[in-house]
Amino acid sequence: MNKVLLCLLLSLPASAQSYDLLLKGGHVIDAKNNINGRMDVAVTAGKIAAVAANIPANQAKKVVDVSRFYVTPGLVDIHVHVFSGTANGELAGGMASLIPDHHLFQTGVTTAVDAGSSGRNNFPEFRDRIIKHSRARIYALLNIGANGMAGPANEQDQSSMEAKATAAVAIANKDIVVGIKTAHFAGPEWTPVDRAIEAGTIANIPVMVDFGLIVPGRPIDKLFLEKMRPGDIYTHMYRPFDPFLDDKGTVQSFYKAARKRGILFDVGHGAGSLAFQWAVPGMKQGFGPDSISTDLHNGSLTGGMKSMLTVMSKFLNMGMGLDEVIRKSTWNPANEIHREQHGHLSVGADADIAVLRLDQGKFGFTDVENDRMDGTQKLECELTLRAGRTVWDLNGITSEDWRKRGRTLPRKQSY
């Protein structure tokens, strides 16, 4: 359906409109539109057509009862790794990278950002081989290193970190590239940070910093207070080897000063970057994340991180309200990457929707130190829609009972 026809349909009174799908009776949480209550959500031609109370069921071709669940925008995970290509004979992105559609939809994620797996040399391969063929919406942070995460030698090679060349690739691919990434550097030089910020300034996009090792001559307070710009993102905010807390267990003053400067703090849980001994005191002292993300890869998927919903559940059990957990997994990250068309359920937006179940019980969560935190709440995904299409349905709530079909087998073979 073309945009003109869609606009005409959306402007018609409800009584004259036939919706493709109606999610009925769910508790809708939509941070952008300040919705937190019982609402119906209607979908037409892959777009949000209406969000209102008591939309008549007879106006929809299909009605799905979601009264036991929360209905949210499709989740936005701004730190994943979904590219493994080759560069100079090495594997770029590492063997840890994953196929996006196999892992995102089952946790309600419809938009994800690959955080620096590719650099300017191998980004074209990532775009053409992975992004173009993914049903999930994939953006990229372009690594300041020319070959991305193609092994330690590449990541420490300062000669490959060219700001102007990286910015040129970002500008030429501005539909996909939403920022610059620097990561894993172990030396005392500021080269990766300086050149990443130079590239971000030229291309007018944010920089995400994975600071690598903390080494003499390259202190993290200088990174926050002198190097990073307002709107830049510090990921792995609770990693256990950062000086997040002082000797008395208090959040360091320069973290608070950085937030006042406009530096954004992202979870980036991963396999080594969220320790409860840091995160729990931080949360109690009011220093929570601006965005929740996974650092999804094979090592984190099978470790304490597990999934976007597991990370979100950890913050629920650390005292963050459900509405804030949803905000920091939808609207906030969409804003951080300047893609404000995502992360909400506004009429006319793509119908990217997560239907979530909040279970109550006794649950255990582990961090990157293999320490356990007990909890009483856990999120699970019942249904994911991407542009109005069902891409995950855990318990078949969009399907009819097989007995209602009648005898239709055998069918003509088709492939």
Protein backbone atom coordinates (compact mmCIF):
# COMPACT_ATOMS: atom_id res chain seq x y z
CA MET A 1 0.00 0.00 0.00
CA ASN A 2 1.47 3.40 -0.93
CA LYS A 3 1.97 6.22 1.58
CA VAL A 4 -0.83 8.38 0.19
CA LEU A 5 -3.41 5.61 0.57
CA LEU A 6 -2.12 4.81 4.07
CA CYS A 7 -2.48 8.44 5.13
CA LEU A 8 -6.03 8.52 3.80
CA LEU A 9 -6.88 5.37 5.74
CA LEU A 10 -5.38 6.72 8.94
CA SER A 11 -7.38 9.93 8.59
CA LEU A 12 -10.72 8.13 8.25
CA PRO A 13 -12.99 7.82 11.28
CA ALA A 14 -12.63 4.53 13.13
CA SER A 15 -16.04 3.30 12.08
CA ALA A 16 -15.00 3.40 8.41
CA GLN A 17 -11.65 1.71 8.87
CA SER A 18 -10.83 -1.98 8.63
CA TYR A 19 -7.73 -2.89 10.63
CA ASP A 20 -5.52 -5.82 9.69
CA LEU A 21 -4.79 -6.67 13.32
CA LEU A 22 -6.06 -5.57 16.71
CA LEU A 23 -4.12 -6.30 19.89
CA LYS A 24 -6.91 -6.19 22.44
CA GLY A 25 -6.84 -5.27 26.11
CA GLY A 26 -3.11 -5.13 26.82
CA HIS A 27 -1.29 -2.83 29.23
CA VAL A 28 0.48 -0.46 26.84
CA ILE A 29 3.73 1.24 27.87
CA ASP A 30 4.95 3.83 25.37
CA ALA A 31 7.40 6.36 26.81
CA LYS A 32 7.33 8.82 23.92
CA ASN A 33 3.56 9.19 24.06
CA ASN A 34 3.30 9.00 27.86
CA ILE A 35 1.02 5.96 27.73
CA ASN A 36 0.99 3.56 30.66
CA GLY A 37 -2.34 1.77 30.92
CA ARG A 38 -4.93 -0.43 29.28
CA MET A 39 -5.21 0.27 25.57
CA ASP A 40 -5.89 -1.51 22.29
CA VAL A 41 -3.36 -1.27 19.46
CA ALA A 42 -4.53 -1.52 15.85
CA VAL A 43 -2.29 -2.24 12.86
CA THR A 44 -2.95 -1.51 9.19
CA ALA A 45 -0.53 -2.14 6.29
CA GLY A 46 2.38 -2.70 8.65
CA LYS A 47 1.86 0.62 10.47
CA ILE A 48 0.37 1.63 13.80
CA ALA A 49 -3.16 2.72 12.90
CA ALA A 50 -4.64 3.47 16.32
CA VAL A 51 -3.86 3.28 20.03
CA ALA A 52 -7.00 3.78 22.08
CA ALA A 53 -9.25 2.24 24.68
CA ASN A 54 -12.00 -0.14 23.57
CA ILE A 55 -11.50 -0.22 19.81
CA PRO A 56 -14.41 -2.36 18.52
CA ALA A 57 -13.27 -5.86 17.65
CA ASN A 58 -15.48 -5.96 14.57
CA GLN A 59 -13.28 -3.33 12.93
CA ALA A 60 -10.33 -5.74 12.63
CA LYS A 61 -9.69 -8.73 10.39
CA LYS A 62 -7.80 -10.46 13.22
CA VAL A 63 -8.14 -9.84 16.95
CA VAL A 64 -5.57 -11.09 19.47
CA ASP A 65 -6.34 -11.09 23.18
CA VAL A 66 -3.30 -9.65 24.97
CA SER A 67 -5.12 -8.75 28.18
CA ARG A 68 -2.64 -10.76 30.30
CA PHE A 69 0.37 -8.97 28.86
CA TYR A 70 2.26 -5.71 28.43
CA VAL A 71 2.37 -4.20 24.95
CA THR A 72 5.43 -2.09 24.18
CA PRO A 73 7.28 -0.73 21.18
CA GLY A 74 9.69 -3.21 19.64
CA LEU A 75 12.82 -3.17 21.80
CA VAL A 76 15.90 -1.26 20.60
CA ASP A 77 19.25 -2.86 21.50
CA ILE A 78 22.09 -0.49 20.65
CA HIS A 79 24.96 -2.88 21.42
CA VAL A 80 25.06 -6.21 19.59
CA HIS A 81 27.54 -8.09 17.40
CA VAL A 82 26.02 -9.66 14.29
CA PHE A 83 28.86 -9.55 11.75
CA SER A 84 31.69 -11.99 11.21
CA GLY A 85 33.57 -11.23 8.01
CA THR A 86 37.20 -11.51 7.03
CA ALA A 87 39.88 -8.85 6.97
CA ASN A 88 43.54 -9.41 6.21
CA GLY A 89 43.06 -13.12 6.75
CA GLU A 90 41.55 -12.69 10.21
CA LEU A 91 37.95 -13.10 11.29
CA ALA A 92 36.32 -9.71 11.73
CA GLY A 93 33.78 -9.38 14.49
CA GLY A 94 35.12 -12.51 16.08
CA MET A 95 33.60 -15.98 16.07
CA ALA A 96 31.27 -14.63 18.76
CA SER A 97 29.03 -12.76 16.31
CA LEU A 98 25.50 -14.04 15.72
CA ILE A 99 22.89 -14.17 12.95
CA PRO A 100 20.49 -11.39 13.99
CA ASP A 101 17.07 -12.88 13.18
CA HIS A 102 17.89 -16.07 15.08
CA HIS A 103 18.20 -14.24 18.39
CA LEU A 104 16.55 -10.81 18.37
CA PHE A 105 12.89 -11.48 17.65
CA GLN A 106 12.40 -14.06 20.39
CA THR A 107 13.28 -11.40 22.96
CA GLY A 108 11.14 -8.61 21.48
CA VAL A 109 14.03 -6.77 19.81
CA THR A 110 13.10 -5.36 16.41
CA THR A 111 15.91 -2.79 16.03
CA ALA A 112 19.56 -3.42 16.87
CA VAL A 113 22.87 -1.66 16.39
CA ASP A 114 26.01 -3.61 15.62
CA ALA A 115 28.63 -1.94 17.80
CA GLY A 116 31.79 -1.75 15.75
CA SER A 117 32.18 -5.28 14.40
CA SER A 118 33.02 -3.73 11.03
CA GLY A 119 35.28 -0.87 10.02
CA ARG A 120 35.45 1.11 6.82
CA ASN A 121 37.20 -1.70 4.92
CA ASN A 122 34.67 -4.45 5.59
CA PHE A 123 31.49 -2.48 6.24
CA PRO A 124 30.37 -3.04 2.60
CA GLU A 125 30.46 -6.80 3.22
CA PHE A 126 28.45 -6.39 6.42
CA ARG A 127 25.88 -4.22 4.64
CA ASP A 128 25.48 -6.48 1.61
CA ARG A 129 25.73 -9.89 3.28
CA ILE A 130 23.94 -9.36 6.59
CA ILE A 131 22.02 -6.08 6.88
CA LYS A 132 20.27 -6.27 3.51
CA HIS A 133 19.00 -9.79 4.24
CA SER A 134 17.91 -9.33 7.85
CA ARG A 135 14.24 -9.00 8.76
CA ALA A 136 15.33 -7.31 11.98
CA ARG A 137 16.28 -3.68 11.44
CA ILE A 138 20.06 -3.43 11.76
CA TYR A 139 22.10 -0.26 12.09
CA ALA A 140 25.84 0.00 12.58
CA LEU A 141 28.42 1.85 14.59
CA LEU A 142 31.47 2.03 12.33
CA ASN A 143 34.68 1.04 14.07
CA ILE A 144 37.46 3.61 13.94
CA GLY A 145 39.78 0.71 13.12
CA ALA A 146 39.70 0.01 9.39
CA ASN A 147 38.95 -3.71 9.81
CA GLY A 148 36.66 -3.52 12.81
CA MET A 149 37.03 -6.22 15.44
CA ALA A 150 39.34 -8.38 13.38
CA GLY A 151 41.51 -9.61 16.21
CA PRO A 152 43.80 -7.90 18.73
CA ALA A 153 46.48 -6.93 16.20
CA ASN A 154 43.96 -4.95 14.16
CA GLU A 155 42.37 -3.34 17.20
CA GLN A 156 45.74 -2.06 18.44
CA ASP A 157 46.89 -0.79 15.04
CA GLN A 158 46.73 2.98 15.39
CA SER A 159 47.82 3.50 11.78
CA SER A 160 44.48 2.08 10.58
CA MET A 161 42.47 4.58 12.62
CA GLU A 162 41.80 7.30 10.06
CA ALA A 163 39.15 9.84 11.00
CA LYS A 164 38.43 11.40 7.61
CA ALA A 165 38.27 8.08 5.75
CA THR A 166 35.98 6.58 8.40
CA ALA A 167 33.72 9.63 8.35
CA ALA A 168 33.48 9.44 4.56
CA VAL A 169 32.16 5.87 4.73
CA ALA A 170 29.73 6.86 7.48
CA ILE A 171 28.39 9.77 5.43
CA ALA A 172 28.07 7.64 2.29
CA ASN A 173 26.04 5.10 4.30
CA LYS A 174 24.12 7.44 6.60
CA ASP A 175 20.97 5.34 6.23
CA ILE A 176 22.71 2.56 8.17
CA VAL A 177 25.68 4.03 10.04
CA VAL A 178 24.41 5.78 13.18
CA GLY A 179 27.69 6.37 14.98
CA ILE A 180 31.40 5.63 15.41
CA LYS A 181 32.84 3.05 17.81
CA THR A 182 36.19 2.77 19.53
CA ALA A 183 36.88 -0.40 21.48
CA HIS A 184 39.37 -2.69 23.20
CA PHE A 185 42.44 -0.46 22.97
CA ALA A 186 45.14 -1.39 25.48
CA GLY A 187 47.79 1.29 24.99
CA PRO A 188 48.41 4.59 26.79
CA GLU A 189 47.70 6.73 23.73
CA TRP A 190 44.48 8.65 23.11
CA THR A 191 44.62 7.95 19.37
CA PRO A 192 41.49 5.71 19.10
CA VAL A 193 39.32 8.10 21.12
CA ASP A 194 40.61 11.26 19.45
CA ARG A 195 40.17 9.90 15.94
CA ALA A 196 36.77 8.38 16.67
CA ILE A 197 35.55 11.73 18.00
CA GLU A 198 37.05 13.52 15.00
CA ALA A 199 35.20 11.14 12.68
CA GLY A 200 31.98 11.58 14.65
CA THR A 201 32.32 15.35 14.46
CA ILE A 202 32.88 15.31 10.69
CA ALA A 203 29.91 12.97 10.10
CA ASN A 204 27.77 14.65 12.80
CA ILE A 205 27.02 11.37 14.58
CA PRO A 206 27.64 10.14 18.14
CA VAL A 207 30.60 8.07 19.30
CA MET A 208 30.27 4.99 21.48
CA VAL A 209 33.31 4.32 23.65
CA ASP A 210 34.35 0.92 24.95
CA PHE A 211 37.41 2.27 26.73
CA GLY A 212 39.48 -0.90 26.68
CA LEU A 213 42.04 -1.24 29.44
CA ILE A 214 42.50 1.42 32.11
CA VAL A 215 46.19 2.27 31.85
CA PRO A 216 48.44 4.99 33.35
CA GLY A 217 48.33 8.18 31.33
CA ARG A 218 44.83 7.50 30.00
CA PRO A 219 42.49 8.03 32.96
CA ILE A 220 38.76 7.60 32.59
CA ASP A 221 37.93 10.94 34.21
CA LYS A 222 39.82 12.71 31.40
CA LEU A 223 37.80 10.67 28.89
CA PHE A 224 34.54 11.84 30.46
CA LEU A 225 35.41 15.45 31.22
CA GLU A 226 37.69 16.42 28.35
CA LYS A 227 37.42 14.02 25.43
CA MET A 228 33.82 12.86 24.97
CA ARG A 229 31.15 15.24 23.67
CA PRO A 230 27.59 15.68 24.94
CA GLY A 231 25.54 12.92 23.31
CA ASP A 232 28.45 10.49 23.10
CA ILE A 233 27.84 7.10 24.72
CA TYR A 234 29.96 5.29 27.27
CA THR A 235 29.10 1.59 27.11
CA HIS A 236 29.97 -1.13 29.67
CA MET A 237 29.18 1.32 32.48
CA TYR A 238 29.25 -1.35 35.23
CA ARG A 239 32.32 -3.30 34.14
CA PRO A 240 34.20 -4.55 37.20
CA PHE A 241 37.61 -3.02 36.42
CA ASP A 242 36.40 0.58 35.99
CA PRO A 243 36.79 3.02 38.92
CA PHE A 244 33.01 3.44 39.22
CA LEU A 245 32.91 3.44 43.03
CA ASP A 246 35.39 4.98 45.45
CA ASP A 247 36.82 3.23 48.50
CA LYS A 248 33.65 4.00 50.47
CA GLY A 249 31.38 2.48 47.82
CA THR A 250 30.16 5.84 46.53
CA VAL A 251 29.75 6.60 42.83
CA GLN A 252 32.75 8.66 41.77
CA SER A 253 32.05 12.38 41.38
CA PHE A 254 33.43 12.49 37.84
CA TYR A 255 30.74 10.04 36.69
CA LYS A 256 28.11 12.45 37.96
CA ALA A 257 29.94 15.38 36.35
CA ALA A 258 30.06 13.47 33.06
CA ARG A 259 26.31 12.95 33.15
CA LYS A 260 25.80 16.66 33.76
CA ARG A 261 27.97 17.32 30.69
CA GLY A 262 25.59 15.20 28.62
CA ILE A 263 27.61 11.98 28.41
CA LEU A 264 25.22 9.02 28.06
CA PHE A 265 25.77 5.77 29.94
CA ASP A 266 24.84 2.43 28.37
CA VAL A 267 24.79 -1.01 29.98
CA GLY A 268 26.47 -3.17 27.30
CA HIS A 269 26.27 -6.19 29.64
CA GLY A 270 28.29 -8.65 27.54
CA ALA A 271 30.44 -11.42 28.99
CA GLY A 272 32.58 -9.10 31.10
CA SER A 273 30.84 -5.81 31.71
CA LEU A 274 28.13 -5.96 34.38
CA ALA A 275 29.02 -6.77 37.97
CA PHE A 276 26.33 -6.66 40.63
CA GLN A 277 28.89 -5.23 43.09
CA TRP A 278 28.98 -2.13 40.88
CA ALA A 279 25.45 -2.06 39.47
CA VAL A 280 23.46 -2.55 42.69
CA PRO A 281 25.15 0.29 44.63
CA GLY A 282 24.97 2.45 41.51
CA MET A 283 21.25 1.89 41.22
CA LYS A 284 20.68 2.55 44.94
CA GLN A 285 22.56 5.85 44.59
CA GLY A 286 20.50 6.88 41.56
CA PHE A 287 23.15 6.25 38.92
CA GLY A 288 21.27 3.99 36.54
CA PRO A 289 21.77 3.63 32.81
CA ASP A 290 20.45 5.91 30.10
CA SER A 291 20.00 2.85 27.88
CA ILE A 292 19.84 -0.89 28.46
CA SER A 293 21.73 -3.05 25.96
CA THR A 294 23.14 -6.54 25.76
CA ASP A 295 26.51 -6.65 23.96
CA LEU A 296 24.99 -9.77 22.41
CA HIS A 297 27.45 -12.41 21.15
CA ASN A 298 28.01 -16.13 21.66
CA GLY A 299 29.94 -15.68 24.88
CA SER A 300 27.35 -13.43 26.50
CA LEU A 301 24.36 -15.35 25.13
CA THR A 302 25.47 -18.50 26.93
CA GLY A 303 26.73 -16.72 30.05
CA GLY A 304 25.13 -14.43 32.58
CA MET A 305 23.74 -11.97 30.05
CA LYS A 306 21.53 -14.42 28.07
CA SER A 307 19.16 -11.94 26.40
CA MET A 308 17.79 -8.42 26.30
CA LEU A 309 14.87 -9.47 28.50
CA THR A 310 17.22 -11.01 31.07
CA VAL A 311 19.18 -7.77 31.30
CA MET A 312 15.93 -5.79 31.60
CA SER A 313 14.76 -8.20 34.31
CA LYS A 314 17.96 -7.60 36.28
CA PHE A 315 17.20 -3.89 36.42
CA LEU A 316 13.61 -4.59 37.48
CA ASN A 317 14.99 -6.60 40.38
CA MET A 318 17.50 -3.86 41.21
CA GLY A 319 14.59 -1.48 41.78
CA MET A 320 13.98 0.20 38.42
CA GLY A 321 10.29 0.56 37.61
CA LEU A 322 8.87 -1.34 34.65
CA ASP A 323 7.98 1.87 32.82
CA GLU A 324 11.60 3.06 33.11
CA VAL A 325 12.97 -0.31 32.03
CA ILE A 326 10.81 -0.09 28.91
CA ARG A 327 11.79 3.55 28.27
CA LYS A 328 15.48 2.68 28.50
CA SER A 329 15.01 -0.25 26.12
CA THR A 330 12.95 1.61 23.49
CA TRP A 331 12.63 5.39 23.30
CA ASN A 332 15.91 6.34 25.03
CA PRO A 333 18.19 4.24 22.82
CA ALA A 334 16.32 5.34 19.69
CA ASN A 335 17.08 8.92 20.66
CA GLU A 336 20.72 8.16 21.43
CA ILE A 337 21.29 7.00 17.85
CA HIS A 338 19.07 9.81 16.43
CA ARG A 339 16.50 7.41 15.00
CA GLU A 340 13.43 8.92 16.62
CA GLN A 341 11.13 7.11 14.17
CA HIS A 342 11.65 3.97 16.28
CA GLY A 343 10.93 3.01 19.87
CA HIS A 344 7.30 4.17 20.09
CA LEU A 345 3.74 3.33 19.04
CA SER A 346 2.73 6.60 17.38
CA VAL A 347 0.10 6.40 14.63
CA GLY A 348 1.89 6.03 11.31
CA ALA A 349 5.04 4.47 12.80
CA ASP A 350 6.18 1.02 11.71
CA ALA A 351 4.22 -1.57 13.70
CA ASP A 352 7.24 -2.89 15.57
CA ILE A 353 5.66 -4.27 18.72
CA ALA A 354 6.70 -6.48 21.63
CA VAL A 355 4.09 -8.27 23.75
CA LEU A 356 5.72 -9.12 27.06
CA ARG A 357 4.78 -11.29 30.01
CA LEU A 358 5.96 -10.33 33.49
CA ASP A 359 6.28 -13.47 35.58
CA GLN A 360 6.32 -13.41 39.37
CA GLY A 361 8.20 -16.05 41.32
CA LYS A 362 11.69 -17.00 42.47
CA PHE A 363 14.40 -16.41 39.85
CA GLY A 364 18.17 -16.30 39.83
CA PHE A 365 20.34 -13.99 37.73
CA THR A 366 24.11 -14.14 37.33
CA ASP A 367 26.59 -11.44 36.42
CA VAL A 368 29.96 -11.50 34.65
CA GLU A 369 31.72 -12.51 37.89
CA ASN A 370 29.37 -15.52 38.16
CA ASP A 371 27.77 -13.98 41.24
CA ARG A 372 24.02 -14.60 41.66
CA MET A 373 21.27 -12.14 42.45
CA ASP A 374 17.89 -13.53 43.49
CA GLY A 375 14.81 -11.87 42.05
CA THR A 376 11.03 -12.07 42.01
CA GLN A 377 10.26 -10.70 38.52
CA LYS A 378 11.21 -11.90 35.06
CA LEU A 379 10.18 -10.69 31.62
CA GLU A 380 9.44 -13.07 28.75
CA CYS A 381 8.34 -12.33 25.19
CA GLU A 382 5.03 -13.74 24.01
CA LEU A 383 4.81 -12.03 20.62
CA THR A 384 6.97 -9.86 18.37
CA LEU A 385 5.70 -7.93 15.35
CA ARG A 386 8.09 -6.40 12.84
CA ALA A 387 6.31 -3.93 10.54
CA GLY A 388 3.04 -5.63 11.45
CA ARG A 389 4.25 -9.12 10.62
CA THR A 390 4.43 -11.84 13.27
CA VAL A 391 8.08 -12.85 13.62
CA TRP A 392 7.83 -14.54 17.04
CA ASP A 393 4.82 -16.12 18.72
CA LEU A 394 5.83 -18.16 21.76
CA ASN A 395 2.46 -19.75 22.49
CA GLY A 396 0.61 -19.28 19.23
CA ILE A 397 -1.66 -16.47 20.43
CA THR A 398 -2.07 -15.20 16.85
CA SER A 399 -3.03 -18.68 15.55
CA GLU A 400 -6.35 -20.52 15.48
CA ASP A 401 -6.96 -23.87 17.16
CA TRP A 402 -6.14 -26.56 14.59
CA ARG A 403 -9.54 -28.20 15.08
CA LYS A 404 -11.32 -25.15 13.65
CA ARG A 405 -9.73 -25.55 10.23
CA GLY A 406 -11.58 -28.69 9.19
CA ARG A 407 -10.12 -31.42 7.04
CA THR A 408 -7.79 -29.84 4.45
CA LEU A 409 -5.00 -32.42 4.10
CA PRO A 410 -3.33 -33.69 2.01
CA ARG A 411 -2.24 -30.50 0.31
CA LYS A 412 -0.52 -30.02 -3.00
CA GLN A 413 3.24 -30.02 -2.49
CA SER A 414 5.04 -26.70 -2.73
CA TYR A 415 8.56 -25.56 -1.97
